[in-house]
Amino acid sequence: MTTANLPIPLPELWAAMLATYGHRWAGAYGQNPDGVAAATWATGLAGLTSQQIAAGLRACLTHGDGWPPTLPEFRALCLGIPTLAAVRAELLRSDAERSPFTRFVWGLIDGHRYRQANADVAERMLRDAYELAREERLRGTPLPEAPVP
């Protein structure tokens, strides 16, 4: 896999990750953007825009975890996929405008069954819908448009 399909040069991405995570990045993926790890990252990030990769890098700075993300975790950050906890919190707030990803998750749930379910069943429904939405988004499924006011 060449890095020609990436919107930013792999050496720049590698340098940013090394600057952010230091020896933890180097230990996991190597100091230099070559070899199997770099080729795998190039393949996994192909198709993303430079804005999406920049969003992923910004998310790494605010993520609060001192460990580098795995490739699927970084791709999710690039695509703006929030955590399950963030989606759950957003659904619990009645005054919140739903983010596109949360609307995507909610669209996969039978709202009537969800509201009637006990806490354990409702949690399973939310978790299943979240996982399905996450997988679809990672495959490139677009997020729903904002509702018209």
N, C-alpha and C. Protein backbone atom coordinates (compact mmCIF):
# COMPACT_ATOMS: atom_id res chain seq x y z
N MET A 1 0.85 -1.19 0.00
CA MET A 1 0.00 0.00 0.00
C MET A 1 0.88 1.23 0.00
N THR A 2 0.66 2.08 -0.93
CA THR A 2 1.38 3.35 -0.94
C THR A 2 0.60 4.34 -0.10
N THR A 3 1.28 5.37 0.30
CA THR A 3 0.61 6.41 1.08
C THR A 3 0.04 7.49 0.19
N ALA A 4 0.06 7.27 -1.13
CA ALA A 4 -0.44 8.27 -2.06
C ALA A 4 -1.93 8.51 -1.90
N ASN A 5 -2.66 7.55 -1.34
CA ASN A 5 -4.10 7.70 -1.16
C ASN A 5 -4.47 8.48 0.10
N LEU A 6 -3.49 8.82 0.90
CA LEU A 6 -3.77 9.58 2.12
C LEU A 6 -3.80 11.07 1.83
N PRO A 7 -4.72 11.80 2.49
CA PRO A 7 -4.81 13.24 2.25
C PRO A 7 -3.68 14.03 2.91
N ILE A 8 -2.99 13.42 3.88
CA ILE A 8 -1.81 14.06 4.46
C ILE A 8 -0.68 13.06 4.40
N PRO A 9 0.55 13.53 4.29
CA PRO A 9 1.67 12.59 4.23
C PRO A 9 1.80 11.79 5.52
N LEU A 10 2.03 10.50 5.40
CA LEU A 10 2.17 9.63 6.56
C LEU A 10 3.28 10.11 7.51
N PRO A 11 4.40 10.62 7.00
CA PRO A 11 5.42 11.13 7.94
C PRO A 11 4.89 12.24 8.85
N GLU A 12 4.00 13.09 8.33
CA GLU A 12 3.43 14.15 9.17
C GLU A 12 2.53 13.57 10.25
N LEU A 13 1.72 12.60 9.89
CA LEU A 13 0.86 11.94 10.87
C LEU A 13 1.71 11.26 11.93
N TRP A 14 2.75 10.55 11.51
CA TRP A 14 3.62 9.84 12.43
C TRP A 14 4.29 10.82 13.39
N ALA A 15 4.76 11.94 12.86
CA ALA A 15 5.43 12.95 13.69
C ALA A 15 4.46 13.53 14.72
N ALA A 16 3.22 13.78 14.31
CA ALA A 16 2.23 14.31 15.25
C ALA A 16 1.93 13.30 16.35
N MET A 17 1.82 12.03 15.98
CA MET A 17 1.53 11.00 16.99
C MET A 17 2.73 10.80 17.92
N LEU A 18 3.95 10.87 17.36
CA LEU A 18 5.14 10.77 18.21
C LEU A 18 5.21 11.95 19.17
N ALA A 19 4.87 13.15 18.69
CA ALA A 19 4.90 14.33 19.56
C ALA A 19 3.85 14.23 20.65
N THR A 20 2.73 13.62 20.34
CA THR A 20 1.64 13.50 21.32
C THR A 20 1.88 12.38 22.31
N TYR A 21 2.32 11.22 21.82
CA TYR A 21 2.39 10.02 22.67
C TYR A 21 3.80 9.53 22.97
N GLY A 22 4.80 10.10 22.32
CA GLY A 22 6.19 9.76 22.61
C GLY A 22 6.50 8.28 22.49
N HIS A 23 7.19 7.75 23.52
CA HIS A 23 7.65 6.36 23.47
C HIS A 23 6.50 5.36 23.40
N ARG A 24 5.32 5.75 23.84
CA ARG A 24 4.17 4.83 23.76
C ARG A 24 3.78 4.59 22.30
N TRP A 25 3.83 5.65 21.49
CA TRP A 25 3.55 5.49 20.06
C TRP A 25 4.68 4.69 19.40
N ALA A 26 5.93 5.09 19.70
CA ALA A 26 7.08 4.41 19.09
C ALA A 26 7.10 2.93 19.46
N GLY A 27 6.76 2.61 20.71
CA GLY A 27 6.76 1.23 21.13
C GLY A 27 5.68 0.41 20.45
N ALA A 28 4.56 1.04 20.17
CA ALA A 28 3.45 0.32 19.55
C ALA A 28 3.59 0.24 18.03
N TYR A 29 4.04 1.34 17.40
CA TYR A 29 3.99 1.42 15.93
C TYR A 29 5.33 1.72 15.27
N GLY A 30 6.34 2.03 16.05
CA GLY A 30 7.66 2.31 15.49
C GLY A 30 7.93 3.80 15.38
N GLN A 31 9.20 4.12 15.30
CA GLN A 31 9.65 5.52 15.20
C GLN A 31 9.40 6.10 13.82
N ASN A 32 9.49 5.26 12.80
CA ASN A 32 9.44 5.75 11.43
C ASN A 32 8.21 5.23 10.71
N PRO A 33 7.66 6.05 9.83
CA PRO A 33 6.45 5.64 9.09
C PRO A 33 6.76 4.72 7.92
N ASP A 34 7.31 3.58 8.25
CA ASP A 34 7.56 2.58 7.21
C ASP A 34 7.27 1.21 7.82
N GLY A 35 7.27 0.22 7.02
CA GLY A 35 7.02 -1.12 7.53
C GLY A 35 5.53 -1.46 7.57
N VAL A 36 5.24 -2.56 8.21
CA VAL A 36 3.89 -3.12 8.24
C VAL A 36 2.91 -2.20 8.97
N ALA A 37 3.32 -1.66 10.11
CA ALA A 37 2.41 -0.80 10.88
C ALA A 37 1.99 0.42 10.06
N ALA A 38 2.95 1.07 9.44
CA ALA A 38 2.65 2.26 8.63
C ALA A 38 1.76 1.90 7.45
N ALA A 39 2.04 0.78 6.80
CA ALA A 39 1.21 0.37 5.67
C ALA A 39 -0.21 0.07 6.12
N THR A 40 -0.35 -0.53 7.28
CA THR A 40 -1.68 -0.83 7.81
C THR A 40 -2.43 0.45 8.13
N TRP A 41 -1.75 1.42 8.74
CA TRP A 41 -2.39 2.70 9.03
C TRP A 41 -2.77 3.42 7.74
N ALA A 42 -1.91 3.38 6.75
CA ALA A 42 -2.23 4.03 5.48
C ALA A 42 -3.48 3.40 4.86
N THR A 43 -3.57 2.10 4.91
CA THR A 43 -4.75 1.41 4.38
C THR A 43 -5.99 1.78 5.17
N GLY A 44 -5.87 1.77 6.49
CA GLY A 44 -7.02 2.06 7.36
C GLY A 44 -7.52 3.49 7.29
N LEU A 45 -6.65 4.40 6.90
CA LEU A 45 -7.06 5.81 6.83
C LEU A 45 -7.38 6.27 5.42
N ALA A 46 -7.15 5.41 4.45
CA ALA A 46 -7.46 5.76 3.06
C ALA A 46 -8.94 6.11 2.94
N GLY A 47 -9.22 7.13 2.20
CA GLY A 47 -10.60 7.55 2.00
C GLY A 47 -11.05 8.66 2.94
N LEU A 48 -10.27 8.92 3.98
CA LEU A 48 -10.60 10.03 4.87
C LEU A 48 -10.06 11.33 4.28
N THR A 49 -10.68 12.42 4.64
CA THR A 49 -10.20 13.72 4.18
C THR A 49 -9.15 14.26 5.14
N SER A 50 -8.43 15.27 4.70
CA SER A 50 -7.44 15.90 5.58
C SER A 50 -8.13 16.53 6.79
N GLN A 51 -9.36 17.06 6.59
CA GLN A 51 -10.10 17.64 7.71
C GLN A 51 -10.47 16.57 8.74
N GLN A 52 -10.84 15.39 8.26
CA GLN A 52 -11.19 14.31 9.18
C GLN A 52 -9.97 13.84 9.97
N ILE A 53 -8.84 13.70 9.30
CA ILE A 53 -7.63 13.29 10.00
C ILE A 53 -7.20 14.37 10.99
N ALA A 54 -7.33 15.63 10.61
CA ALA A 54 -7.02 16.72 11.54
C ALA A 54 -7.95 16.67 12.75
N ALA A 55 -9.22 16.34 12.53
CA ALA A 55 -10.16 16.20 13.65
C ALA A 55 -9.73 15.06 14.56
N GLY A 56 -9.26 13.96 13.98
CA GLY A 56 -8.77 12.85 14.79
C GLY A 56 -7.57 13.24 15.62
N LEU A 57 -6.65 14.00 15.02
CA LEU A 57 -5.47 14.45 15.77
C LEU A 57 -5.87 15.40 16.89
N ARG A 58 -6.81 16.31 16.63
CA ARG A 58 -7.29 17.22 17.69
C ARG A 58 -7.95 16.42 18.81
N ALA A 59 -8.72 15.41 18.44
CA ALA A 59 -9.39 14.58 19.45
C ALA A 59 -8.37 13.85 20.33
N CYS A 60 -7.24 13.47 19.74
CA CYS A 60 -6.20 12.82 20.53
C CYS A 60 -5.69 13.75 21.63
N LEU A 61 -5.62 15.04 21.33
CA LEU A 61 -5.13 16.01 22.32
C LEU A 61 -6.11 16.23 23.46
N THR A 62 -7.39 16.06 23.19
CA THR A 62 -8.41 16.32 24.22
C THR A 62 -9.01 15.05 24.79
N HIS A 63 -8.56 13.91 24.30
CA HIS A 63 -9.14 12.62 24.69
C HIS A 63 -8.89 12.31 26.15
N GLY A 64 -7.79 12.80 26.70
CA GLY A 64 -7.51 12.60 28.12
C GLY A 64 -6.84 11.27 28.44
N ASP A 65 -6.56 10.47 27.42
CA ASP A 65 -5.91 9.19 27.64
C ASP A 65 -4.47 9.33 27.17
N GLY A 66 -3.53 8.92 27.98
CA GLY A 66 -2.13 9.04 27.61
C GLY A 66 -1.63 7.96 26.68
N TRP A 67 -2.50 7.05 26.29
CA TRP A 67 -2.10 5.97 25.40
C TRP A 67 -2.56 6.26 23.98
N PRO A 68 -1.74 5.88 23.00
CA PRO A 68 -2.15 6.12 21.62
C PRO A 68 -3.34 5.26 21.24
N PRO A 69 -4.18 5.78 20.37
CA PRO A 69 -5.31 4.98 19.93
C PRO A 69 -4.85 3.87 18.99
N THR A 70 -5.66 2.83 18.92
CA THR A 70 -5.46 1.83 17.88
C THR A 70 -5.95 2.44 16.57
N LEU A 71 -5.67 1.79 15.47
CA LEU A 71 -6.13 2.29 14.18
C LEU A 71 -7.65 2.43 14.14
N PRO A 72 -8.43 1.42 14.55
CA PRO A 72 -9.89 1.60 14.54
C PRO A 72 -10.35 2.73 15.47
N GLU A 73 -9.69 2.89 16.61
CA GLU A 73 -10.05 3.98 17.52
C GLU A 73 -9.75 5.33 16.87
N PHE A 74 -8.61 5.44 16.21
CA PHE A 74 -8.26 6.70 15.56
C PHE A 74 -9.22 7.00 14.42
N ARG A 75 -9.56 5.99 13.63
CA ARG A 75 -10.53 6.20 12.54
C ARG A 75 -11.85 6.70 13.11
N ALA A 76 -12.29 6.13 14.23
CA ALA A 76 -13.53 6.58 14.87
C ALA A 76 -13.41 8.04 15.32
N LEU A 77 -12.25 8.42 15.85
CA LEU A 77 -12.04 9.82 16.24
C LEU A 77 -12.09 10.73 15.01
N CYS A 78 -11.50 10.28 13.93
CA CYS A 78 -11.51 11.07 12.68
C CYS A 78 -12.94 11.28 12.18
N LEU A 79 -13.78 10.27 12.36
CA LEU A 79 -15.16 10.33 11.87
C LEU A 79 -16.12 10.94 12.89
N GLY A 80 -15.59 11.39 14.02
CA GLY A 80 -16.43 12.06 15.02
C GLY A 80 -17.39 11.13 15.73
N ILE A 81 -17.02 9.88 15.89
CA ILE A 81 -17.90 8.93 16.58
C ILE A 81 -17.67 9.09 18.08
N PRO A 82 -18.70 9.53 18.80
CA PRO A 82 -18.55 9.70 20.24
C PRO A 82 -18.59 8.35 20.96
N THR A 83 -18.26 8.36 22.22
CA THR A 83 -18.35 7.14 23.02
C THR A 83 -19.81 6.80 23.29
N LEU A 84 -20.04 5.57 23.68
CA LEU A 84 -21.39 5.15 24.06
C LEU A 84 -21.88 6.00 25.23
N ALA A 85 -21.01 6.29 26.17
CA ALA A 85 -21.39 7.11 27.32
C ALA A 85 -21.86 8.50 26.89
N ALA A 86 -21.18 9.08 25.91
CA ALA A 86 -21.57 10.41 25.42
C ALA A 86 -22.93 10.35 24.73
N VAL A 87 -23.18 9.30 23.96
CA VAL A 87 -24.48 9.15 23.29
C VAL A 87 -25.57 8.97 24.34
N ARG A 88 -25.31 8.12 25.34
CA ARG A 88 -26.29 7.89 26.41
C ARG A 88 -26.62 9.20 27.12
N ALA A 89 -25.61 9.97 27.46
CA ALA A 89 -25.82 11.24 28.15
C ALA A 89 -26.63 12.21 27.29
N GLU A 90 -26.34 12.23 26.00
CA GLU A 90 -27.06 13.12 25.10
C GLU A 90 -28.54 12.72 25.00
N LEU A 91 -28.81 11.43 24.98
CA LEU A 91 -30.19 10.97 24.91
C LEU A 91 -30.96 11.26 26.20
N LEU A 92 -30.26 11.31 27.32
CA LEU A 92 -30.92 11.58 28.60
C LEU A 92 -31.28 13.04 28.79
N ARG A 93 -30.56 13.94 28.10
CA ARG A 93 -30.84 15.37 28.22
C ARG A 93 -32.01 15.74 27.32
N SER A 94 -33.08 16.19 27.91
CA SER A 94 -34.27 16.53 27.12
C SER A 94 -34.10 17.83 26.34
N ASP A 95 -33.23 18.70 26.79
CA ASP A 95 -33.05 20.00 26.14
C ASP A 95 -31.98 19.99 25.06
N ALA A 96 -31.31 18.85 24.89
CA ALA A 96 -30.17 18.80 23.98
C ALA A 96 -30.61 18.61 22.53
N GLU A 97 -29.95 19.33 21.67
CA GLU A 97 -30.10 19.06 20.24
C GLU A 97 -29.21 17.85 19.95
N ARG A 98 -29.76 16.88 19.30
CA ARG A 98 -29.04 15.63 19.07
C ARG A 98 -27.95 15.82 18.01
N SER A 99 -26.80 15.25 18.29
CA SER A 99 -25.72 15.26 17.29
C SER A 99 -26.10 14.29 16.17
N PRO A 100 -25.48 14.45 15.00
CA PRO A 100 -25.81 13.54 13.90
C PRO A 100 -25.61 12.07 14.25
N PHE A 101 -24.54 11.74 14.97
CA PHE A 101 -24.30 10.34 15.31
C PHE A 101 -25.36 9.83 16.28
N THR A 102 -25.74 10.64 17.25
CA THR A 102 -26.78 10.22 18.20
C THR A 102 -28.11 10.04 17.48
N ARG A 103 -28.41 10.91 16.51
CA ARG A 103 -29.63 10.71 15.71
C ARG A 103 -29.56 9.41 14.93
N PHE A 104 -28.37 9.09 14.43
CA PHE A 104 -28.17 7.83 13.70
C PHE A 104 -28.45 6.64 14.63
N VAL A 105 -27.90 6.68 15.84
CA VAL A 105 -28.13 5.60 16.81
C VAL A 105 -29.62 5.50 17.13
N TRP A 106 -30.25 6.63 17.43
CA TRP A 106 -31.66 6.63 17.81
C TRP A 106 -32.54 6.09 16.68
N GLY A 107 -32.14 6.34 15.45
CA GLY A 107 -32.90 5.84 14.32
C GLY A 107 -32.89 4.32 14.20
N LEU A 108 -31.96 3.67 14.89
CA LEU A 108 -31.86 2.21 14.87
C LEU A 108 -32.61 1.56 16.04
N ILE A 109 -33.24 2.38 16.87
CA ILE A 109 -33.94 1.87 18.06
C ILE A 109 -35.44 2.04 17.88
N ASP A 110 -36.20 1.04 18.30
CA ASP A 110 -37.66 1.15 18.37
C ASP A 110 -37.95 1.98 19.62
N GLY A 111 -38.25 3.25 19.42
CA GLY A 111 -38.42 4.19 20.53
C GLY A 111 -39.48 3.76 21.52
N HIS A 112 -40.59 3.22 21.03
CA HIS A 112 -41.66 2.78 21.93
C HIS A 112 -41.17 1.64 22.82
N ARG A 113 -40.54 0.63 22.21
CA ARG A 113 -40.02 -0.50 23.00
C ARG A 113 -38.96 -0.03 23.98
N TYR A 114 -38.12 0.91 23.55
CA TYR A 114 -37.06 1.42 24.41
C TYR A 114 -37.64 2.10 25.65
N ARG A 115 -38.65 2.93 25.44
CA ARG A 115 -39.26 3.66 26.56
C ARG A 115 -40.01 2.73 27.52
N GLN A 116 -40.52 1.61 27.00
CA GLN A 116 -41.28 0.66 27.82
C GLN A 116 -40.38 -0.37 28.51
N ALA A 117 -39.15 -0.50 28.06
CA ALA A 117 -38.25 -1.54 28.55
C ALA A 117 -37.71 -1.22 29.94
N ASN A 118 -37.34 -2.28 30.67
CA ASN A 118 -36.65 -2.05 31.94
C ASN A 118 -35.23 -1.56 31.63
N ALA A 119 -34.52 -1.14 32.65
CA ALA A 119 -33.21 -0.51 32.44
C ALA A 119 -32.22 -1.43 31.74
N ASP A 120 -32.20 -2.71 32.10
CA ASP A 120 -31.25 -3.64 31.48
C ASP A 120 -31.54 -3.84 30.00
N VAL A 121 -32.80 -4.01 29.65
CA VAL A 121 -33.18 -4.22 28.26
C VAL A 121 -32.93 -2.94 27.46
N ALA A 122 -33.27 -1.79 28.03
CA ALA A 122 -33.04 -0.52 27.35
C ALA A 122 -31.55 -0.30 27.10
N GLU A 123 -30.73 -0.65 28.09
CA GLU A 123 -29.28 -0.50 27.93
C GLU A 123 -28.77 -1.42 26.80
N ARG A 124 -29.26 -2.63 26.74
CA ARG A 124 -28.85 -3.55 25.68
C ARG A 124 -29.28 -3.02 24.31
N MET A 125 -30.50 -2.48 24.23
CA MET A 125 -30.98 -1.92 22.97
C MET A 125 -30.08 -0.77 22.52
N LEU A 126 -29.73 0.10 23.47
CA LEU A 126 -28.87 1.24 23.15
C LEU A 126 -27.48 0.76 22.72
N ARG A 127 -26.92 -0.18 23.46
CA ARG A 127 -25.59 -0.69 23.14
C ARG A 127 -25.57 -1.35 21.76
N ASP A 128 -26.59 -2.15 21.46
CA ASP A 128 -26.66 -2.81 20.15
C ASP A 128 -26.78 -1.78 19.02
N ALA A 129 -27.63 -0.78 19.22
CA ALA A 129 -27.81 0.26 18.19
C ALA A 129 -26.52 1.06 18.03
N TYR A 130 -25.84 1.36 19.13
CA TYR A 130 -24.58 2.10 19.08
C TYR A 130 -23.54 1.31 18.28
N GLU A 131 -23.39 0.03 18.59
CA GLU A 131 -22.39 -0.78 17.89
C GLU A 131 -22.69 -0.87 16.40
N LEU A 132 -23.96 -1.05 16.06
CA LEU A 132 -24.33 -1.12 14.65
C LEU A 132 -24.06 0.22 13.96
N ALA A 133 -24.42 1.32 14.59
CA ALA A 133 -24.17 2.65 14.01
C ALA A 133 -22.67 2.90 13.86
N ARG A 134 -21.90 2.50 14.86
CA ARG A 134 -20.45 2.69 14.81
C ARG A 134 -19.85 1.91 13.65
N GLU A 135 -20.25 0.64 13.51
CA GLU A 135 -19.74 -0.17 12.40
C GLU A 135 -20.12 0.43 11.05
N GLU A 136 -21.37 0.87 10.93
CA GLU A 136 -21.82 1.46 9.67
C GLU A 136 -21.04 2.73 9.36
N ARG A 137 -20.84 3.56 10.37
CA ARG A 137 -20.12 4.82 10.16
C ARG A 137 -18.66 4.57 9.78
N LEU A 138 -18.03 3.57 10.43
CA LEU A 138 -16.65 3.24 10.09
C LEU A 138 -16.54 2.73 8.66
N ARG A 139 -17.61 2.14 8.14
CA ARG A 139 -17.62 1.68 6.74
C ARG A 139 -17.91 2.83 5.78
N GLY A 140 -18.28 4.00 6.30
CA GLY A 140 -18.51 5.15 5.43
C GLY A 140 -19.95 5.56 5.27
N THR A 141 -20.87 4.92 5.98
CA THR A 141 -22.27 5.33 5.89
C THR A 141 -22.39 6.78 6.35
N PRO A 142 -23.04 7.63 5.57
CA PRO A 142 -23.17 9.04 5.98
C PRO A 142 -24.11 9.20 7.17
N LEU A 143 -23.89 10.24 7.92
CA LEU A 143 -24.75 10.55 9.05
C LEU A 143 -26.01 11.25 8.55
N PRO A 144 -27.12 11.15 9.30
CA PRO A 144 -28.36 11.79 8.86
C PRO A 144 -28.23 13.31 8.87
N GLU A 145 -28.97 13.91 7.98
CA GLU A 145 -29.01 15.38 7.92
C GLU A 145 -29.69 15.92 9.16
N ALA A 146 -29.40 17.16 9.49
CA ALA A 146 -30.05 17.82 10.63
C ALA A 146 -31.54 17.99 10.31
N PRO A 147 -32.39 17.82 11.31
CA PRO A 147 -33.82 18.03 11.05
C PRO A 147 -34.11 19.48 10.69
N VAL A 148 -35.09 19.66 9.85
CA VAL A 148 -35.49 21.01 9.46
C VAL A 148 -36.33 21.59 10.58
N PRO A 149 -35.95 22.80 11.06
CA PRO A 149 -36.71 23.40 12.18
C PRO A 149 -38.11 23.82 11.78
